[in-house]
Amino acid sequence: MKRAITILTDDFSDWETALINSTARAYYGFDTRFASPGGSPVTSSGGMKVTPHLAIDAIQLDELDLLIVCGGTIWATDRAPEISALLAAAHNGKVVVAGICDGTRALARAGVLDHVRHTSNSALNLSQLNYAGAAHYQDVPYAVADQGVVTAPGSAPVSFMAEILRSLGIEDDNLKAYLAMHAAEHSRAG
């Protein structure tokens, strides 16, 4: 069984990681868990209150296949939890590391994006951090996966889900059907 933890903070963007967690758990049998600073309950930007399974400090990387940083406004502030060492260790330990929306800022701060192709909400969003990976930025509206790192703008939860699963070696007819279902709304003319 694959094991995944999603890091949530106050004002997390609830739609951004819903598809990956739901699909991974319901269709592929993942053990999906959630962590927050201190393990405290957090409230999403949409008002959903979540009580996580554990504190960020209690994450055990040797028990993990996937570590996701959910986006939210906190990542662009000085209130963001310091998770750089955790993210760098996860990436170096061959855990798939994923960030969406402003969650990509945490990956950039950790140096995880220094040598991999990646994306975010915009190049400006990450360049404000003066990170070393700016030359690898991809200006695309969908998720980018490279060397066990998956990034996406906040508007791309469907491709984020797909690239995470592919990075974990999962690409089957169920995933193709799920992608077709979610992408169908974008094929509407006019």
N, C-alpha and C. Protein backbone atom coordinates (compact mmCIF):
# COMPACT_ATOMS: atom_id res chain seq x y z
N MET A 1 0.84 -1.18 0.00
CA MET A 1 0.00 0.00 0.00
C MET A 1 0.89 1.25 0.00
N LYS A 2 0.58 2.17 -0.89
CA LYS A 2 1.30 3.44 -0.94
C LYS A 2 0.82 4.33 0.21
N ARG A 3 1.76 5.11 0.76
CA ARG A 3 1.45 5.99 1.88
C ARG A 3 1.72 7.44 1.48
N ALA A 4 0.74 8.30 1.77
CA ALA A 4 0.84 9.71 1.38
C ALA A 4 0.46 10.60 2.55
N ILE A 5 1.16 11.71 2.67
CA ILE A 5 0.80 12.74 3.65
C ILE A 5 0.70 14.07 2.91
N THR A 6 -0.37 14.79 3.19
CA THR A 6 -0.56 16.14 2.66
C THR A 6 -0.42 17.13 3.81
N ILE A 7 0.43 18.13 3.60
CA ILE A 7 0.63 19.17 4.60
C ILE A 7 -0.40 20.28 4.37
N LEU A 8 -1.16 20.56 5.43
CA LEU A 8 -2.19 21.59 5.39
C LEU A 8 -1.84 22.69 6.40
N THR A 9 -2.25 23.92 6.07
CA THR A 9 -2.07 25.05 6.96
C THR A 9 -3.39 25.82 7.01
N ASP A 10 -3.52 26.75 7.92
CA ASP A 10 -4.71 27.59 7.91
C ASP A 10 -4.83 28.27 6.56
N ASP A 11 -6.06 28.40 6.09
CA ASP A 11 -6.39 28.99 4.80
C ASP A 11 -5.87 28.17 3.62
N PHE A 12 -5.67 26.84 3.81
CA PHE A 12 -5.23 26.01 2.68
C PHE A 12 -6.31 26.02 1.60
N SER A 13 -5.88 25.86 0.37
CA SER A 13 -6.79 25.88 -0.78
C SER A 13 -7.37 24.48 -0.95
N ASP A 14 -8.57 24.28 -0.43
CA ASP A 14 -9.13 22.94 -0.29
C ASP A 14 -9.32 22.16 -1.59
N TRP A 15 -9.51 22.81 -2.72
CA TRP A 15 -9.74 22.10 -3.98
C TRP A 15 -8.45 21.54 -4.58
N GLU A 16 -7.32 22.04 -4.17
CA GLU A 16 -6.08 21.73 -4.86
C GLU A 16 -5.59 20.30 -4.67
N THR A 17 -5.82 19.72 -3.51
CA THR A 17 -5.34 18.35 -3.27
C THR A 17 -6.48 17.36 -3.07
N ALA A 18 -7.70 17.82 -3.24
CA ALA A 18 -8.85 16.93 -3.05
C ALA A 18 -8.85 15.77 -4.04
N LEU A 19 -8.58 16.04 -5.31
CA LEU A 19 -8.60 14.98 -6.31
C LEU A 19 -7.52 13.93 -6.09
N ILE A 20 -6.29 14.36 -5.81
CA ILE A 20 -5.24 13.37 -5.61
C ILE A 20 -5.52 12.51 -4.39
N ASN A 21 -5.96 13.11 -3.31
CA ASN A 21 -6.21 12.31 -2.11
C ASN A 21 -7.41 11.39 -2.28
N SER A 22 -8.47 11.88 -2.88
CA SER A 22 -9.65 11.05 -3.10
C SER A 22 -9.37 9.91 -4.07
N THR A 23 -8.75 10.22 -5.18
CA THR A 23 -8.44 9.20 -6.18
C THR A 23 -7.47 8.17 -5.62
N ALA A 24 -6.42 8.64 -4.97
CA ALA A 24 -5.41 7.74 -4.42
C ALA A 24 -6.02 6.79 -3.38
N ARG A 25 -6.85 7.32 -2.53
CA ARG A 25 -7.45 6.50 -1.46
C ARG A 25 -8.54 5.58 -2.00
N ALA A 26 -9.49 6.16 -2.74
CA ALA A 26 -10.67 5.39 -3.16
C ALA A 26 -10.37 4.41 -4.29
N TYR A 27 -9.55 4.79 -5.25
CA TYR A 27 -9.33 3.95 -6.42
C TYR A 27 -8.06 3.12 -6.37
N TYR A 28 -7.06 3.59 -5.61
CA TYR A 28 -5.78 2.89 -5.59
C TYR A 28 -5.37 2.39 -4.21
N GLY A 29 -6.22 2.57 -3.21
CA GLY A 29 -5.98 2.01 -1.89
C GLY A 29 -4.86 2.63 -1.09
N PHE A 30 -4.50 3.86 -1.39
CA PHE A 30 -3.45 4.54 -0.63
C PHE A 30 -3.91 4.76 0.81
N ASP A 31 -2.95 4.82 1.71
CA ASP A 31 -3.17 5.31 3.06
C ASP A 31 -2.89 6.81 2.98
N THR A 32 -3.94 7.62 3.01
CA THR A 32 -3.78 9.08 2.91
C THR A 32 -3.96 9.69 4.29
N ARG A 33 -3.01 10.53 4.64
CA ARG A 33 -3.05 11.21 5.93
C ARG A 33 -2.75 12.69 5.73
N PHE A 34 -3.04 13.44 6.78
CA PHE A 34 -2.87 14.89 6.71
C PHE A 34 -2.09 15.36 7.94
N ALA A 35 -1.23 16.35 7.72
CA ALA A 35 -0.42 16.90 8.80
C ALA A 35 -0.54 18.42 8.79
N SER A 36 -0.42 19.00 9.95
CA SER A 36 -0.47 20.47 10.08
C SER A 36 0.56 20.89 11.13
N PRO A 37 0.85 22.19 11.20
CA PRO A 37 1.74 22.66 12.26
C PRO A 37 1.18 22.28 13.64
N GLY A 38 1.94 21.54 14.40
CA GLY A 38 1.52 21.13 15.72
C GLY A 38 0.39 20.11 15.74
N GLY A 39 -0.05 19.66 14.58
CA GLY A 39 -1.19 18.73 14.51
C GLY A 39 -2.51 19.40 14.83
N SER A 40 -2.51 20.72 14.85
CA SER A 40 -3.70 21.49 15.21
C SER A 40 -4.73 21.49 14.09
N PRO A 41 -6.02 21.60 14.43
CA PRO A 41 -7.04 21.75 13.39
C PRO A 41 -6.77 23.00 12.56
N VAL A 42 -7.08 22.93 11.28
CA VAL A 42 -6.90 24.05 10.36
C VAL A 42 -8.20 24.27 9.61
N THR A 43 -8.39 25.50 9.13
CA THR A 43 -9.59 25.84 8.37
C THR A 43 -9.16 26.27 6.98
N SER A 44 -9.82 25.70 5.97
CA SER A 44 -9.47 25.99 4.58
C SER A 44 -9.97 27.37 4.17
N SER A 45 -9.55 27.80 2.99
CA SER A 45 -10.01 29.08 2.46
C SER A 45 -11.52 29.06 2.23
N GLY A 46 -12.08 27.88 2.03
CA GLY A 46 -13.52 27.75 1.84
C GLY A 46 -14.29 27.54 3.13
N GLY A 47 -13.60 27.50 4.28
CA GLY A 47 -14.27 27.36 5.57
C GLY A 47 -14.36 25.94 6.09
N MET A 48 -13.76 24.97 5.40
CA MET A 48 -13.80 23.58 5.85
C MET A 48 -12.78 23.39 6.98
N LYS A 49 -13.25 22.90 8.11
CA LYS A 49 -12.37 22.67 9.26
C LYS A 49 -11.88 21.22 9.21
N VAL A 50 -10.56 21.04 9.32
CA VAL A 50 -9.94 19.73 9.23
C VAL A 50 -9.11 19.48 10.48
N THR A 51 -9.27 18.30 11.05
CA THR A 51 -8.41 17.87 12.15
C THR A 51 -7.44 16.86 11.58
N PRO A 52 -6.18 17.23 11.42
CA PRO A 52 -5.19 16.34 10.80
C PRO A 52 -4.87 15.12 11.65
N HIS A 53 -4.23 14.15 11.02
CA HIS A 53 -3.82 12.93 11.70
C HIS A 53 -2.60 13.15 12.59
N LEU A 54 -1.72 14.08 12.18
CA LEU A 54 -0.47 14.24 12.92
C LEU A 54 0.12 15.63 12.70
N ALA A 55 1.13 15.92 13.50
CA ALA A 55 1.88 17.16 13.37
C ALA A 55 2.93 17.00 12.29
N ILE A 56 3.28 18.09 11.63
CA ILE A 56 4.33 18.04 10.61
C ILE A 56 5.61 17.45 11.21
N ASP A 57 5.94 17.83 12.43
CA ASP A 57 7.16 17.34 13.09
C ASP A 57 7.15 15.84 13.32
N ALA A 58 5.99 15.21 13.26
CA ALA A 58 5.90 13.77 13.51
C ALA A 58 5.97 12.93 12.22
N ILE A 59 6.12 13.58 11.08
CA ILE A 59 6.19 12.85 9.81
C ILE A 59 7.46 11.99 9.78
N GLN A 60 7.27 10.71 9.48
CA GLN A 60 8.38 9.75 9.37
C GLN A 60 8.58 9.44 7.88
N LEU A 61 9.64 9.94 7.30
CA LEU A 61 9.85 9.79 5.85
C LEU A 61 10.08 8.35 5.42
N ASP A 62 10.64 7.52 6.30
CA ASP A 62 10.88 6.13 5.92
C ASP A 62 9.57 5.35 5.80
N GLU A 63 8.47 5.93 6.20
CA GLU A 63 7.16 5.29 6.09
C GLU A 63 6.32 5.93 4.99
N LEU A 64 6.95 6.63 4.05
CA LEU A 64 6.21 7.47 3.12
C LEU A 64 6.63 7.24 1.67
N ASP A 65 5.64 7.34 0.76
CA ASP A 65 5.89 7.29 -0.67
C ASP A 65 5.68 8.65 -1.32
N LEU A 66 4.83 9.48 -0.69
CA LEU A 66 4.42 10.75 -1.29
C LEU A 66 4.22 11.79 -0.20
N LEU A 67 4.80 12.98 -0.41
CA LEU A 67 4.61 14.11 0.50
C LEU A 67 4.13 15.29 -0.34
N ILE A 68 2.93 15.79 -0.02
CA ILE A 68 2.30 16.87 -0.78
C ILE A 68 2.22 18.12 0.08
N VAL A 69 2.53 19.28 -0.53
CA VAL A 69 2.32 20.56 0.13
C VAL A 69 1.14 21.23 -0.56
N CYS A 70 0.03 21.33 0.15
CA CYS A 70 -1.15 21.99 -0.39
C CYS A 70 -0.92 23.50 -0.39
N GLY A 71 -1.41 24.16 -1.42
CA GLY A 71 -1.28 25.61 -1.51
C GLY A 71 -2.15 26.33 -0.50
N GLY A 72 -1.92 27.60 -0.41
CA GLY A 72 -2.67 28.46 0.49
C GLY A 72 -1.90 29.75 0.70
N THR A 73 -2.57 30.74 1.19
CA THR A 73 -1.98 32.07 1.32
C THR A 73 -0.82 32.14 2.30
N ILE A 74 -0.76 31.23 3.25
CA ILE A 74 0.28 31.29 4.28
C ILE A 74 1.69 31.16 3.72
N TRP A 75 1.85 30.44 2.59
CA TRP A 75 3.18 30.17 2.05
C TRP A 75 3.88 31.43 1.54
N ALA A 76 3.13 32.51 1.33
CA ALA A 76 3.73 33.77 0.89
C ALA A 76 3.92 34.75 2.06
N THR A 77 3.82 34.23 3.29
CA THR A 77 3.94 35.08 4.47
C THR A 77 5.04 34.55 5.40
N ASP A 78 5.36 35.33 6.41
CA ASP A 78 6.34 34.86 7.39
C ASP A 78 5.72 33.92 8.43
N ARG A 79 4.43 33.63 8.30
CA ARG A 79 3.75 32.66 9.18
C ARG A 79 3.86 31.23 8.66
N ALA A 80 4.44 31.05 7.47
CA ALA A 80 4.58 29.72 6.88
C ALA A 80 5.43 28.83 7.77
N PRO A 81 5.01 27.59 7.97
CA PRO A 81 5.85 26.69 8.76
C PRO A 81 7.17 26.41 8.04
N GLU A 82 8.22 26.24 8.79
CA GLU A 82 9.54 25.95 8.23
C GLU A 82 9.64 24.44 7.98
N ILE A 83 9.52 24.06 6.72
CA ILE A 83 9.55 22.63 6.37
C ILE A 83 10.65 22.32 5.35
N SER A 84 11.59 23.22 5.18
CA SER A 84 12.64 23.03 4.18
C SER A 84 13.43 21.75 4.40
N ALA A 85 13.87 21.50 5.62
CA ALA A 85 14.67 20.30 5.90
C ALA A 85 13.86 19.03 5.61
N LEU A 86 12.59 19.04 5.97
CA LEU A 86 11.72 17.89 5.71
C LEU A 86 11.59 17.63 4.22
N LEU A 87 11.33 18.68 3.43
CA LEU A 87 11.15 18.52 1.99
C LEU A 87 12.44 18.07 1.31
N ALA A 88 13.56 18.66 1.70
CA ALA A 88 14.84 18.25 1.12
C ALA A 88 15.16 16.80 1.45
N ALA A 89 14.93 16.40 2.69
CA ALA A 89 15.18 15.01 3.09
C ALA A 89 14.25 14.05 2.35
N ALA A 90 13.00 14.44 2.17
CA ALA A 90 12.06 13.59 1.44
C ALA A 90 12.53 13.39 0.01
N HIS A 91 12.90 14.48 -0.65
CA HIS A 91 13.37 14.39 -2.03
C HIS A 91 14.65 13.56 -2.14
N ASN A 92 15.58 13.79 -1.25
CA ASN A 92 16.83 13.02 -1.25
C ASN A 92 16.59 11.55 -0.91
N GLY A 93 15.52 11.28 -0.18
CA GLY A 93 15.19 9.91 0.21
C GLY A 93 14.28 9.20 -0.77
N LYS A 94 14.08 9.78 -1.93
CA LYS A 94 13.29 9.17 -3.00
C LYS A 94 11.79 9.12 -2.74
N VAL A 95 11.31 9.97 -1.84
CA VAL A 95 9.87 10.16 -1.65
C VAL A 95 9.42 11.12 -2.75
N VAL A 96 8.32 10.85 -3.42
CA VAL A 96 7.79 11.81 -4.39
C VAL A 96 7.34 13.03 -3.60
N VAL A 97 7.82 14.20 -4.01
CA VAL A 97 7.49 15.46 -3.35
C VAL A 97 6.67 16.29 -4.32
N ALA A 98 5.52 16.79 -3.86
CA ALA A 98 4.62 17.54 -4.73
C ALA A 98 4.17 18.82 -4.06
N GLY A 99 4.07 19.88 -4.86
CA GLY A 99 3.57 21.16 -4.36
C GLY A 99 2.68 21.79 -5.41
N ILE A 100 1.60 22.39 -4.96
CA ILE A 100 0.66 23.04 -5.86
C ILE A 100 0.42 24.46 -5.38
N CYS A 101 0.24 25.37 -6.33
CA CYS A 101 -0.04 26.77 -6.04
C CYS A 101 1.10 27.32 -5.20
N ASP A 102 0.82 28.03 -4.15
CA ASP A 102 1.88 28.59 -3.33
C ASP A 102 2.62 27.54 -2.51
N GLY A 103 2.15 26.30 -2.51
CA GLY A 103 2.92 25.21 -1.91
C GLY A 103 4.24 25.01 -2.63
N THR A 104 4.31 25.43 -3.89
CA THR A 104 5.57 25.34 -4.64
C THR A 104 6.63 26.26 -4.04
N ARG A 105 6.20 27.31 -3.36
CA ARG A 105 7.15 28.21 -2.71
C ARG A 105 7.95 27.47 -1.63
N ALA A 106 7.29 26.57 -0.91
CA ALA A 106 7.99 25.79 0.11
C ALA A 106 9.03 24.88 -0.54
N LEU A 107 8.71 24.30 -1.70
CA LEU A 107 9.67 23.46 -2.41
C LEU A 107 10.86 24.28 -2.89
N ALA A 108 10.59 25.49 -3.40
CA ALA A 108 11.67 26.36 -3.86
C ALA A 108 12.58 26.75 -2.70
N ARG A 109 12.00 27.12 -1.56
CA ARG A 109 12.81 27.49 -0.38
C ARG A 109 13.70 26.34 0.08
N ALA A 110 13.20 25.11 -0.10
CA ALA A 110 13.94 23.93 0.35
C ALA A 110 15.03 23.51 -0.62
N GLY A 111 15.11 24.15 -1.79
CA GLY A 111 16.10 23.77 -2.78
C GLY A 111 15.68 22.60 -3.65
N VAL A 112 14.46 22.10 -3.45
CA VAL A 112 13.97 20.95 -4.20
C VAL A 112 13.80 21.28 -5.69
N LEU A 113 13.54 22.54 -6.01
CA LEU A 113 13.32 22.93 -7.41
C LEU A 113 14.59 23.41 -8.11
N ASP A 114 15.72 23.34 -7.46
CA ASP A 114 16.96 23.89 -8.02
C ASP A 114 17.42 23.21 -9.31
N HIS A 115 17.12 21.92 -9.47
CA HIS A 115 17.66 21.17 -10.61
C HIS A 115 16.60 20.38 -11.36
N VAL A 116 15.33 20.72 -11.19
CA VAL A 116 14.25 19.99 -11.88
C VAL A 116 13.34 20.97 -12.61
N ARG A 117 12.74 20.48 -13.70
CA ARG A 117 11.73 21.29 -14.37
C ARG A 117 10.54 21.41 -13.41
N HIS A 118 9.93 22.60 -13.37
CA HIS A 118 8.83 22.83 -12.44
C HIS A 118 7.97 24.00 -12.92
N THR A 119 6.83 24.15 -12.28
CA THR A 119 5.93 25.26 -12.56
C THR A 119 5.35 25.76 -11.25
N SER A 120 4.51 26.77 -11.33
CA SER A 120 3.83 27.35 -10.16
C SER A 120 2.72 28.24 -10.70
N ASN A 121 2.23 29.13 -9.87
CA ASN A 121 1.20 30.07 -10.33
C ASN A 121 1.76 31.05 -11.36
N SER A 122 3.05 31.38 -11.23
CA SER A 122 3.74 32.25 -12.19
C SER A 122 5.23 32.23 -11.87
N ALA A 123 6.03 32.61 -12.85
CA ALA A 123 7.47 32.70 -12.61
C ALA A 123 7.77 33.75 -11.54
N LEU A 124 7.02 34.86 -11.56
CA LEU A 124 7.21 35.92 -10.59
C LEU A 124 6.98 35.42 -9.17
N ASN A 125 5.99 34.56 -9.00
CA ASN A 125 5.66 34.00 -7.69
C ASN A 125 6.89 33.36 -7.04
N LEU A 126 7.65 32.61 -7.82
CA LEU A 126 8.83 31.95 -7.27
C LEU A 126 10.07 32.83 -7.31
N SER A 127 10.19 33.69 -8.32
CA SER A 127 11.40 34.52 -8.43
C SER A 127 11.55 35.47 -7.26
N GLN A 128 10.47 35.80 -6.59
CA GLN A 128 10.53 36.65 -5.39
C GLN A 128 11.39 36.02 -4.30
N LEU A 129 11.58 34.71 -4.40
CA LEU A 129 12.35 33.98 -3.38
C LEU A 129 13.84 33.93 -3.69
N ASN A 130 14.23 34.40 -4.88
CA ASN A 130 15.63 34.31 -5.31
C ASN A 130 16.18 32.90 -5.19
N TYR A 131 15.40 31.92 -5.66
CA TYR A 131 15.82 30.52 -5.57
C TYR A 131 16.72 30.19 -6.76
N ALA A 132 17.47 29.12 -6.64
CA ALA A 132 18.48 28.76 -7.64
C ALA A 132 17.92 28.06 -8.88
N GLY A 133 16.65 27.69 -8.87
CA GLY A 133 16.10 26.91 -9.98
C GLY A 133 15.32 27.68 -11.01
N ALA A 134 15.40 28.99 -11.02
CA ALA A 134 14.59 29.80 -11.92
C ALA A 134 14.75 29.42 -13.39
N ALA A 135 15.92 28.96 -13.81
CA ALA A 135 16.15 28.59 -15.21
C ALA A 135 15.34 27.35 -15.61
N HIS A 136 14.85 26.59 -14.65
CA HIS A 136 14.10 25.36 -14.93
C HIS A 136 12.59 25.58 -14.89
N TYR A 137 12.18 26.81 -14.67
CA TYR A 137 10.75 27.11 -14.58
C TYR A 137 10.07 26.90 -15.94
N GLN A 138 8.90 26.26 -15.93
CA GLN A 138 8.10 26.02 -17.12
C GLN A 138 6.83 26.85 -17.01
N ASP A 139 6.60 27.74 -17.95
CA ASP A 139 5.42 28.61 -17.92
C ASP A 139 4.26 27.89 -18.62
N VAL A 140 3.63 26.96 -17.90
CA VAL A 140 2.54 26.14 -18.45
C VAL A 140 1.37 26.11 -17.46
N PRO A 141 0.14 25.88 -17.95
CA PRO A 141 -1.03 25.88 -17.08
C PRO A 141 -1.36 24.50 -16.49
N TYR A 142 -0.44 23.56 -16.56
CA TYR A 142 -0.68 22.21 -16.08
C TYR A 142 0.51 21.75 -15.23
N ALA A 143 0.34 20.61 -14.57
CA ALA A 143 1.39 20.10 -13.69
C ALA A 143 2.62 19.66 -14.48
N VAL A 144 3.76 19.76 -13.82
CA VAL A 144 5.04 19.33 -14.38
C VAL A 144 5.66 18.34 -13.40
N ALA A 145 6.13 17.20 -13.93
CA ALA A 145 6.80 16.20 -13.10
C ALA A 145 8.22 15.99 -13.61
N ASP A 146 9.17 15.95 -12.71
CA ASP A 146 10.56 15.74 -13.09
C ASP A 146 11.33 15.20 -11.89
N GLN A 147 11.96 14.04 -12.07
CA GLN A 147 12.84 13.46 -11.05
C GLN A 147 12.19 13.33 -9.68
N GLY A 148 10.94 12.89 -9.65
CA GLY A 148 10.25 12.68 -8.37
C GLY A 148 9.70 13.93 -7.73
N VAL A 149 9.64 15.02 -8.49
CA VAL A 149 9.07 16.28 -7.99
C VAL A 149 7.92 16.66 -8.92
N VAL A 150 6.76 16.95 -8.33
CA VAL A 150 5.58 17.34 -9.11
C VAL A 150 5.14 18.72 -8.62
N THR A 151 4.94 19.64 -9.57
CA THR A 151 4.49 20.99 -9.25
C THR A 151 3.34 21.36 -10.16
N ALA A 152 2.50 22.29 -9.69
CA ALA A 152 1.36 22.73 -10.50
C ALA A 152 0.88 24.09 -10.03
N PRO A 153 0.28 24.85 -10.96
CA PRO A 153 -0.42 26.06 -10.53
C PRO A 153 -1.70 25.62 -9.81
N GLY A 154 -2.26 26.50 -9.03
CA GLY A 154 -3.47 26.17 -8.27
C GLY A 154 -4.67 25.84 -9.14
N SER A 155 -4.63 26.23 -10.40
CA SER A 155 -5.73 25.98 -11.32
C SER A 155 -5.63 24.61 -12.00
N ALA A 156 -4.69 23.77 -11.58
CA ALA A 156 -4.44 22.50 -12.28
C ALA A 156 -4.50 21.26 -11.38
N PRO A 157 -5.56 21.10 -10.57
CA PRO A 157 -5.59 19.93 -9.70
C PRO A 157 -5.74 18.60 -10.44
N VAL A 158 -6.30 18.62 -11.65
CA VAL A 158 -6.48 17.37 -12.40
C VAL A 158 -5.13 16.85 -12.89
N SER A 159 -4.35 17.70 -13.57
CA SER A 159 -3.05 17.23 -14.05
C SER A 159 -2.09 16.99 -12.88
N PHE A 160 -2.27 17.71 -11.78
CA PHE A 160 -1.47 17.48 -10.56
C PHE A 160 -1.69 16.05 -10.08
N MET A 161 -2.96 15.64 -10.00
CA MET A 161 -3.29 14.28 -9.60
C MET A 161 -2.64 13.27 -10.53
N ALA A 162 -2.78 13.48 -11.84
CA ALA A 162 -2.26 12.54 -12.82
C ALA A 162 -0.75 12.42 -12.76
N GLU A 163 -0.05 13.54 -12.67
CA GLU A 163 1.42 13.50 -12.65
C GLU A 163 1.95 12.88 -11.37
N ILE A 164 1.26 13.08 -10.27
CA ILE A 164 1.67 12.42 -9.03
C ILE A 164 1.54 10.91 -9.17
N LEU A 165 0.40 10.45 -9.66
CA LEU A 165 0.21 9.01 -9.82
C LEU A 165 1.22 8.42 -10.80
N ARG A 166 1.47 9.12 -11.90
CA ARG A 166 2.48 8.63 -12.86
C ARG A 166 3.86 8.57 -12.22
N SER A 167 4.18 9.56 -11.39
CA SER A 167 5.48 9.57 -10.71
C SER A 167 5.63 8.40 -9.75
N LEU A 168 4.50 7.88 -9.30
CA LEU A 168 4.51 6.71 -8.41
C LEU A 168 4.36 5.40 -9.18
N GLY A 169 4.43 5.50 -10.53
CA GLY A 169 4.36 4.30 -11.36
C GLY A 169 2.95 3.81 -11.66
N ILE A 170 1.96 4.67 -11.47
CA ILE A 170 0.57 4.29 -11.72
C ILE A 170 0.06 5.00 -12.96
N GLU A 171 -0.18 4.24 -13.99
CA GLU A 171 -0.79 4.77 -15.20
C GLU A 171 -1.54 3.62 -15.85
N ASP A 172 -2.85 3.59 -15.63
CA ASP A 172 -3.67 2.49 -16.12
C ASP A 172 -4.95 3.03 -16.76
N ASP A 173 -5.82 2.12 -17.17
CA ASP A 173 -7.08 2.53 -17.80
C ASP A 173 -7.98 3.30 -16.84
N ASN A 174 -7.92 2.98 -15.56
CA ASN A 174 -8.72 3.72 -14.59
C ASN A 174 -8.29 5.19 -14.55
N LEU A 175 -6.99 5.43 -14.56
CA LEU A 175 -6.49 6.80 -14.55
C LEU A 175 -6.89 7.52 -15.83
N LYS A 176 -6.78 6.84 -16.97
CA LYS A 176 -7.19 7.45 -18.24
C LYS A 176 -8.66 7.83 -18.22
N ALA A 177 -9.50 6.96 -17.68
CA ALA A 177 -10.95 7.24 -17.61
C ALA A 177 -11.22 8.41 -16.67
N TYR A 178 -10.53 8.44 -15.55
CA TYR A 178 -10.71 9.50 -14.58
C TYR A 178 -10.29 10.84 -15.16
N LEU A 179 -9.16 10.85 -15.88
CA LEU A 179 -8.69 12.07 -16.53
C LEU A 179 -9.68 12.54 -17.59
N ALA A 180 -10.19 11.62 -18.38
CA ALA A 180 -11.15 11.98 -19.42
C ALA A 180 -12.40 12.59 -18.80
N MET A 181 -12.85 12.03 -17.69
CA MET A 181 -14.04 12.55 -17.02
C MET A 181 -13.80 13.98 -16.53
N HIS A 182 -12.67 14.23 -15.89
CA HIS A 182 -12.40 15.56 -15.34
C HIS A 182 -12.03 16.57 -16.42
N ALA A 183 -11.42 16.11 -17.50
CA ALA A 183 -11.03 17.02 -18.57
C ALA A 183 -12.20 17.36 -19.48
N ALA A 184 -13.28 16.61 -19.42
CA ALA A 184 -14.42 16.81 -20.32
C ALA A 184 -14.97 18.23 -20.23
N GLU A 185 -14.99 18.82 -19.06
CA GLU A 185 -15.54 20.16 -18.93
C GLU A 185 -14.74 21.20 -19.72
N HIS A 186 -13.47 20.91 -19.97
CA HIS A 186 -12.62 21.85 -20.70
C HIS A 186 -12.75 21.72 -22.21
N SER A 187 -13.41 20.68 -22.67
CA SER A 187 -13.57 20.49 -24.11
C SER A 187 -14.84 21.14 -24.63
N ARG A 188 -15.61 21.73 -23.76
CA ARG A 188 -16.86 22.39 -24.13
C ARG A 188 -16.57 23.62 -24.98
N ALA A 189 -17.22 23.71 -26.10
CA ALA A 189 -17.01 24.86 -27.00
C ALA A 189 -17.80 26.06 -26.49
N GLY A 190 -17.17 27.24 -26.67
CA GLY A 190 -17.87 28.49 -26.39
C GLY A 190 -17.94 28.85 -25.00
